[in-house]
Amino acid sequence: QVQLVESGGGLVQPGGSLRLSCAASGSIFSINAMDWYRQAPGKERELVARVFSRGNTYYPDSAKGRFTISRDNANNTVYLQMNSLKPEDTAVYYCNAVVQSYRTLEVWGQGTLVTVSS
C-alpha cells in the first residue's frame, strides 16, 4: 500500500504565506507526477500545481506567480509554497501522485484545510 500524508495547513491572514508538505510512504519504486489540488466549499476540485519526476512544473493561471511546487525525490515528498494568500484561496488542499508500486497507483492524501481570513 501507498499513503500520502499532507501537513502545513491552517489559518493565515490575507497576504500571508503557508507551506504545505505531502509525504508518500509504502511500497514505492518511483513516483511520476505529484500534484496539489484544492477544493473550496461548493466548488469542484481543481489543480493548483504539478511537478514531474525531473522537476519541471505546471501551474494553471490562477496559481502562477504566487504558488511554487517542489519535490524531494529522496524523501518522496512534495511541497507547495503559497504566498500572497487571498480569501479565495481558502480550501481543502489535496496531494495526488501517480506511484509505481507493484502496480501503477493513483493515490490521494486526506487533505489539509487552508483558511485565509482576517
N, C-alpha and C. Protein backbone atom coordinates (compact mmCIF):
# COMPACT_ATOMS: atom_id res chain seq x y z
N GLN A 1 0.84 -1.19 0.00
CA GLN A 1 0.00 0.00 0.00
C GLN A 1 0.87 1.24 0.00
N VAL A 2 0.30 2.31 -0.53
CA VAL A 2 0.97 3.61 -0.58
C VAL A 2 0.06 4.64 0.06
N GLN A 3 0.63 5.48 0.87
CA GLN A 3 -0.13 6.55 1.52
C GLN A 3 0.52 7.89 1.24
N LEU A 4 -0.33 8.92 1.17
CA LEU A 4 0.13 10.30 1.11
C LEU A 4 -0.41 11.02 2.34
N VAL A 5 0.44 11.72 3.04
CA VAL A 5 0.02 12.44 4.24
C VAL A 5 0.43 13.90 4.09
N GLU A 6 -0.59 14.78 4.10
CA GLU A 6 -0.34 16.23 3.97
C GLU A 6 -0.21 16.85 5.35
N SER A 7 0.47 17.97 5.40
CA SER A 7 0.58 18.76 6.61
C SER A 7 0.86 20.21 6.24
N GLY A 8 0.67 21.10 7.21
CA GLY A 8 1.03 22.50 6.99
C GLY A 8 -0.14 23.44 6.80
N GLY A 9 -1.35 22.93 6.75
CA GLY A 9 -2.50 23.82 6.61
C GLY A 9 -2.77 24.58 7.89
N GLY A 10 -3.69 25.53 7.80
CA GLY A 10 -4.04 26.31 8.98
C GLY A 10 -4.69 27.61 8.61
N LEU A 11 -4.78 28.50 9.58
CA LEU A 11 -5.38 29.82 9.41
C LEU A 11 -4.28 30.84 9.15
N VAL A 12 -4.46 31.64 8.13
CA VAL A 12 -3.48 32.67 7.80
C VAL A 12 -4.23 33.93 7.35
N GLN A 13 -3.65 35.08 7.63
CA GLN A 13 -4.27 36.34 7.22
C GLN A 13 -4.05 36.59 5.74
N PRO A 14 -4.92 37.35 5.11
CA PRO A 14 -4.69 37.73 3.71
C PRO A 14 -3.32 38.37 3.53
N GLY A 15 -2.65 37.98 2.47
CA GLY A 15 -1.30 38.45 2.22
C GLY A 15 -0.22 37.59 2.84
N GLY A 16 -0.60 36.66 3.68
CA GLY A 16 0.36 35.80 4.34
C GLY A 16 0.80 34.63 3.49
N SER A 17 1.62 33.76 4.09
CA SER A 17 2.19 32.61 3.40
C SER A 17 2.00 31.35 4.22
N LEU A 18 1.96 30.25 3.50
CA LEU A 18 1.94 28.91 4.11
C LEU A 18 2.74 27.98 3.23
N ARG A 19 3.30 26.95 3.86
CA ARG A 19 3.99 25.91 3.12
C ARG A 19 3.37 24.57 3.47
N LEU A 20 2.82 23.93 2.46
CA LEU A 20 2.24 22.61 2.64
C LEU A 20 3.26 21.54 2.28
N SER A 21 3.16 20.42 2.98
CA SER A 21 4.03 19.28 2.69
C SER A 21 3.17 18.04 2.48
N CYS A 22 3.67 17.13 1.67
CA CYS A 22 2.98 15.86 1.44
C CYS A 22 4.04 14.79 1.30
N ALA A 23 3.99 13.82 2.19
CA ALA A 23 4.97 12.74 2.19
C ALA A 23 4.32 11.43 1.77
N ALA A 24 4.96 10.76 0.85
CA ALA A 24 4.48 9.46 0.38
C ALA A 24 5.24 8.36 1.10
N SER A 25 4.52 7.31 1.46
CA SER A 25 5.16 6.17 2.13
C SER A 25 4.53 4.87 1.65
N GLY A 26 5.28 3.80 1.84
CA GLY A 26 4.78 2.50 1.43
C GLY A 26 5.72 1.85 0.44
N SER A 27 5.18 0.93 -0.33
CA SER A 27 5.97 0.19 -1.32
C SER A 27 6.07 1.02 -2.60
N ILE A 28 7.08 1.87 -2.65
CA ILE A 28 7.22 2.82 -3.76
C ILE A 28 8.49 2.51 -4.53
N PHE A 29 8.34 2.28 -5.82
CA PHE A 29 9.51 2.11 -6.68
C PHE A 29 9.91 3.46 -7.28
N SER A 30 8.92 4.22 -7.72
CA SER A 30 9.15 5.57 -8.23
C SER A 30 7.83 6.31 -8.23
N ILE A 31 7.93 7.63 -8.34
CA ILE A 31 6.74 8.47 -8.39
C ILE A 31 6.82 9.33 -9.65
N ASN A 32 5.80 9.32 -10.42
CA ASN A 32 5.75 10.16 -11.62
C ASN A 32 5.36 11.57 -11.21
N ALA A 33 4.29 12.10 -11.72
CA ALA A 33 3.87 13.44 -11.36
C ALA A 33 3.33 13.47 -9.94
N MET A 34 3.57 14.58 -9.27
CA MET A 34 2.98 14.86 -7.96
C MET A 34 2.25 16.18 -8.07
N ASP A 35 1.03 16.19 -7.62
CA ASP A 35 0.15 17.35 -7.80
C ASP A 35 -0.39 17.84 -6.47
N TRP A 36 -0.76 19.11 -6.49
CA TRP A 36 -1.60 19.69 -5.45
C TRP A 36 -2.91 20.12 -6.11
N TYR A 37 -4.00 19.71 -5.49
CA TYR A 37 -5.33 20.14 -5.88
C TYR A 37 -5.95 20.87 -4.69
N ARG A 38 -7.02 21.58 -4.96
CA ARG A 38 -7.78 22.17 -3.87
C ARG A 38 -9.26 22.12 -4.20
N GLN A 39 -10.04 22.12 -3.13
CA GLN A 39 -11.50 22.13 -3.29
C GLN A 39 -12.10 23.08 -2.27
N ALA A 40 -12.68 24.14 -2.78
CA ALA A 40 -13.37 25.12 -1.93
C ALA A 40 -14.80 24.67 -1.73
N PRO A 41 -15.45 25.16 -0.66
CA PRO A 41 -16.84 24.77 -0.41
C PRO A 41 -17.74 25.08 -1.60
N GLY A 42 -18.49 24.10 -2.02
CA GLY A 42 -19.42 24.29 -3.11
C GLY A 42 -18.80 24.32 -4.49
N LYS A 43 -17.51 24.05 -4.58
CA LYS A 43 -16.83 24.10 -5.87
C LYS A 43 -16.19 22.76 -6.18
N GLU A 44 -15.84 22.58 -7.46
CA GLU A 44 -15.17 21.36 -7.87
C GLU A 44 -13.69 21.39 -7.48
N ARG A 45 -13.13 20.21 -7.35
CA ARG A 45 -11.70 20.13 -7.07
C ARG A 45 -10.93 20.61 -8.29
N GLU A 46 -9.89 21.42 -8.07
CA GLU A 46 -9.13 21.97 -9.18
C GLU A 46 -7.64 21.79 -8.96
N LEU A 47 -6.92 21.64 -10.05
CA LEU A 47 -5.47 21.51 -10.00
C LEU A 47 -4.84 22.85 -9.65
N VAL A 48 -3.90 22.82 -8.72
CA VAL A 48 -3.18 24.02 -8.30
C VAL A 48 -1.77 24.03 -8.88
N ALA A 49 -1.12 22.88 -8.85
CA ALA A 49 0.27 22.81 -9.33
C ALA A 49 0.66 21.36 -9.55
N ARG A 50 1.61 21.17 -10.46
CA ARG A 50 2.10 19.83 -10.78
C ARG A 50 3.61 19.87 -10.94
N VAL A 51 4.27 18.87 -10.39
CA VAL A 51 5.72 18.74 -10.60
C VAL A 51 6.00 17.32 -11.09
N PHE A 52 6.76 17.23 -12.18
CA PHE A 52 7.09 15.95 -12.77
C PHE A 52 8.37 15.41 -12.13
N SER A 53 8.67 14.17 -12.43
CA SER A 53 9.77 13.49 -11.75
C SER A 53 11.11 14.17 -11.97
N ARG A 54 11.27 14.85 -13.08
CA ARG A 54 12.54 15.53 -13.35
C ARG A 54 12.55 16.97 -12.86
N GLY A 55 11.43 17.40 -12.24
CA GLY A 55 11.42 18.73 -11.63
C GLY A 55 10.71 19.79 -12.42
N ASN A 56 10.36 19.54 -13.65
CA ASN A 56 9.61 20.55 -14.41
C ASN A 56 8.21 20.66 -13.84
N THR A 57 7.67 21.85 -13.95
CA THR A 57 6.42 22.16 -13.25
C THR A 57 5.37 22.72 -14.20
N TYR A 58 4.14 22.67 -13.70
CA TYR A 58 3.00 23.26 -14.43
C TYR A 58 2.10 23.93 -13.41
N TYR A 59 1.62 25.14 -13.77
CA TYR A 59 0.66 25.87 -12.94
C TYR A 59 -0.48 26.38 -13.81
N PRO A 60 -1.70 26.25 -13.34
CA PRO A 60 -2.78 26.94 -14.04
C PRO A 60 -2.63 28.45 -13.80
N ASP A 61 -3.31 29.24 -14.59
CA ASP A 61 -3.16 30.70 -14.49
C ASP A 61 -3.49 31.23 -13.09
N SER A 62 -4.45 30.59 -12.41
CA SER A 62 -4.88 31.07 -11.09
C SER A 62 -3.78 30.97 -10.04
N ALA A 63 -2.77 30.12 -10.27
CA ALA A 63 -1.73 29.90 -9.27
C ALA A 63 -0.39 30.49 -9.70
N LYS A 64 -0.26 30.91 -10.92
CA LYS A 64 1.04 31.41 -11.39
C LYS A 64 1.46 32.64 -10.63
N GLY A 65 2.71 32.66 -10.23
CA GLY A 65 3.29 33.82 -9.58
C GLY A 65 3.15 33.83 -8.06
N ARG A 66 2.21 33.09 -7.52
CA ARG A 66 2.01 33.08 -6.06
C ARG A 66 2.35 31.74 -5.42
N PHE A 67 2.18 30.66 -6.18
CA PHE A 67 2.41 29.32 -5.65
C PHE A 67 3.64 28.70 -6.30
N THR A 68 4.39 27.97 -5.52
CA THR A 68 5.57 27.26 -6.03
C THR A 68 5.55 25.84 -5.53
N ILE A 69 5.61 24.90 -6.45
CA ILE A 69 5.65 23.49 -6.10
C ILE A 69 7.08 22.98 -6.25
N SER A 70 7.48 22.11 -5.35
CA SER A 70 8.80 21.49 -5.43
C SER A 70 8.72 20.09 -4.84
N ARG A 71 9.73 19.29 -5.12
CA ARG A 71 9.71 17.92 -4.60
C ARG A 71 11.11 17.49 -4.18
N ASP A 72 11.11 16.58 -3.23
CA ASP A 72 12.33 15.96 -2.73
C ASP A 72 12.21 14.48 -3.06
N ASN A 73 12.82 14.08 -4.15
CA ASN A 73 12.67 12.70 -4.61
C ASN A 73 13.27 11.69 -3.62
N ALA A 74 14.31 12.10 -2.94
CA ALA A 74 14.95 11.17 -2.00
C ALA A 74 14.02 10.80 -0.85
N ASN A 75 13.13 11.73 -0.51
CA ASN A 75 12.22 11.51 0.61
C ASN A 75 10.76 11.38 0.17
N ASN A 76 10.55 11.28 -1.14
CA ASN A 76 9.19 11.11 -1.68
C ASN A 76 8.23 12.15 -1.12
N THR A 77 8.67 13.39 -1.13
CA THR A 77 7.89 14.48 -0.54
C THR A 77 7.71 15.60 -1.56
N VAL A 78 6.52 16.18 -1.54
CA VAL A 78 6.24 17.33 -2.40
C VAL A 78 5.79 18.49 -1.51
N TYR A 79 6.14 19.68 -1.91
CA TYR A 79 5.84 20.88 -1.15
C TYR A 79 5.05 21.86 -2.00
N LEU A 80 4.27 22.70 -1.33
CA LEU A 80 3.60 23.81 -2.01
C LEU A 80 3.80 25.05 -1.17
N GLN A 81 4.58 25.96 -1.68
CA GLN A 81 4.78 27.25 -1.03
C GLN A 81 3.75 28.21 -1.59
N MET A 82 2.94 28.77 -0.70
CA MET A 82 1.87 29.67 -1.11
C MET A 82 2.12 31.05 -0.51
N ASN A 83 2.23 32.04 -1.36
CA ASN A 83 2.49 33.41 -0.93
C ASN A 83 1.34 34.32 -1.34
N SER A 84 1.28 35.47 -0.73
CA SER A 84 0.25 36.47 -1.05
C SER A 84 -1.13 35.84 -1.07
N LEU A 85 -1.43 35.12 -0.03
CA LEU A 85 -2.69 34.37 0.01
C LEU A 85 -3.89 35.30 0.07
N LYS A 86 -4.96 34.86 -0.57
CA LYS A 86 -6.20 35.62 -0.66
C LYS A 86 -7.33 34.80 -0.03
N PRO A 87 -8.39 35.46 0.40
CA PRO A 87 -9.53 34.70 0.96
C PRO A 87 -10.05 33.63 0.00
N GLU A 88 -9.97 33.89 -1.29
CA GLU A 88 -10.46 32.89 -2.25
C GLU A 88 -9.54 31.68 -2.38
N ASP A 89 -8.41 31.70 -1.72
CA ASP A 89 -7.55 30.51 -1.67
C ASP A 89 -7.99 29.54 -0.58
N THR A 90 -8.97 29.95 0.21
CA THR A 90 -9.49 29.07 1.26
C THR A 90 -10.08 27.81 0.64
N ALA A 91 -9.58 26.66 1.10
CA ALA A 91 -9.99 25.38 0.53
C ALA A 91 -9.31 24.25 1.29
N VAL A 92 -9.76 23.05 1.01
CA VAL A 92 -9.02 21.87 1.43
C VAL A 92 -8.04 21.54 0.30
N TYR A 93 -6.79 21.41 0.65
CA TYR A 93 -5.74 21.14 -0.32
C TYR A 93 -5.36 19.66 -0.24
N TYR A 94 -5.35 19.04 -1.41
CA TYR A 94 -5.08 17.61 -1.50
C TYR A 94 -3.81 17.36 -2.32
N CYS A 95 -3.07 16.40 -1.87
CA CYS A 95 -1.90 15.91 -2.60
C CYS A 95 -2.33 14.70 -3.44
N ASN A 96 -1.77 14.61 -4.63
CA ASN A 96 -2.07 13.50 -5.53
C ASN A 96 -0.77 13.05 -6.19
N ALA A 97 -0.63 11.74 -6.36
CA ALA A 97 0.58 11.24 -7.00
C ALA A 97 0.28 9.98 -7.79
N VAL A 98 0.98 9.81 -8.89
CA VAL A 98 0.95 8.57 -9.65
C VAL A 98 2.21 7.80 -9.27
N VAL A 99 1.99 6.67 -8.62
CA VAL A 99 3.09 5.95 -7.98
C VAL A 99 3.30 4.61 -8.66
N GLN A 100 4.55 4.31 -8.93
CA GLN A 100 4.90 2.98 -9.42
C GLN A 100 5.21 2.12 -8.21
N SER A 101 4.27 1.25 -7.87
CA SER A 101 4.46 0.27 -6.80
C SER A 101 4.49 -1.10 -7.47
N TYR A 102 3.90 -2.08 -6.88
CA TYR A 102 3.81 -3.38 -7.56
C TYR A 102 2.88 -3.27 -8.76
N ARG A 103 2.09 -2.22 -8.75
CA ARG A 103 1.33 -1.82 -9.93
C ARG A 103 1.25 -0.30 -9.91
N THR A 104 0.75 0.28 -10.99
CA THR A 104 0.64 1.74 -11.04
C THR A 104 -0.58 2.18 -10.24
N LEU A 105 -0.36 3.11 -9.34
CA LEU A 105 -1.43 3.57 -8.45
C LEU A 105 -1.58 5.08 -8.56
N GLU A 106 -2.81 5.56 -8.55
CA GLU A 106 -3.06 6.98 -8.34
C GLU A 106 -3.55 7.12 -6.90
N VAL A 107 -2.82 7.90 -6.14
CA VAL A 107 -3.06 7.99 -4.70
C VAL A 107 -3.41 9.42 -4.32
N TRP A 108 -4.37 9.57 -3.41
CA TRP A 108 -4.77 10.87 -2.87
C TRP A 108 -4.46 10.92 -1.38
N GLY A 109 -4.08 12.08 -0.91
CA GLY A 109 -3.97 12.31 0.51
C GLY A 109 -5.34 12.63 1.10
N GLN A 110 -5.36 12.81 2.43
CA GLN A 110 -6.62 13.05 3.12
C GLN A 110 -7.03 14.51 3.08
N GLY A 111 -6.11 15.38 2.69
CA GLY A 111 -6.43 16.81 2.59
C GLY A 111 -6.01 17.58 3.83
N THR A 112 -5.67 18.83 3.62
CA THR A 112 -5.35 19.73 4.72
C THR A 112 -6.05 21.06 4.46
N LEU A 113 -6.69 21.60 5.49
CA LEU A 113 -7.51 22.81 5.33
C LEU A 113 -6.65 24.05 5.43
N VAL A 114 -6.81 24.92 4.46
CA VAL A 114 -6.19 26.24 4.46
C VAL A 114 -7.31 27.27 4.52
N THR A 115 -7.25 28.12 5.52
CA THR A 115 -8.24 29.18 5.68
C THR A 115 -7.52 30.52 5.67
N VAL A 116 -7.93 31.37 4.74
CA VAL A 116 -7.33 32.71 4.63
C VAL A 116 -8.39 33.71 5.06
N SER A 117 -8.16 34.29 6.20
CA SER A 117 -9.16 35.19 6.77
C SER A 117 -8.50 36.13 7.78
N SER A 118 -9.06 37.33 7.89
CA SER A 118 -8.57 38.27 8.89
C SER A 118 -9.39 38.16 10.16
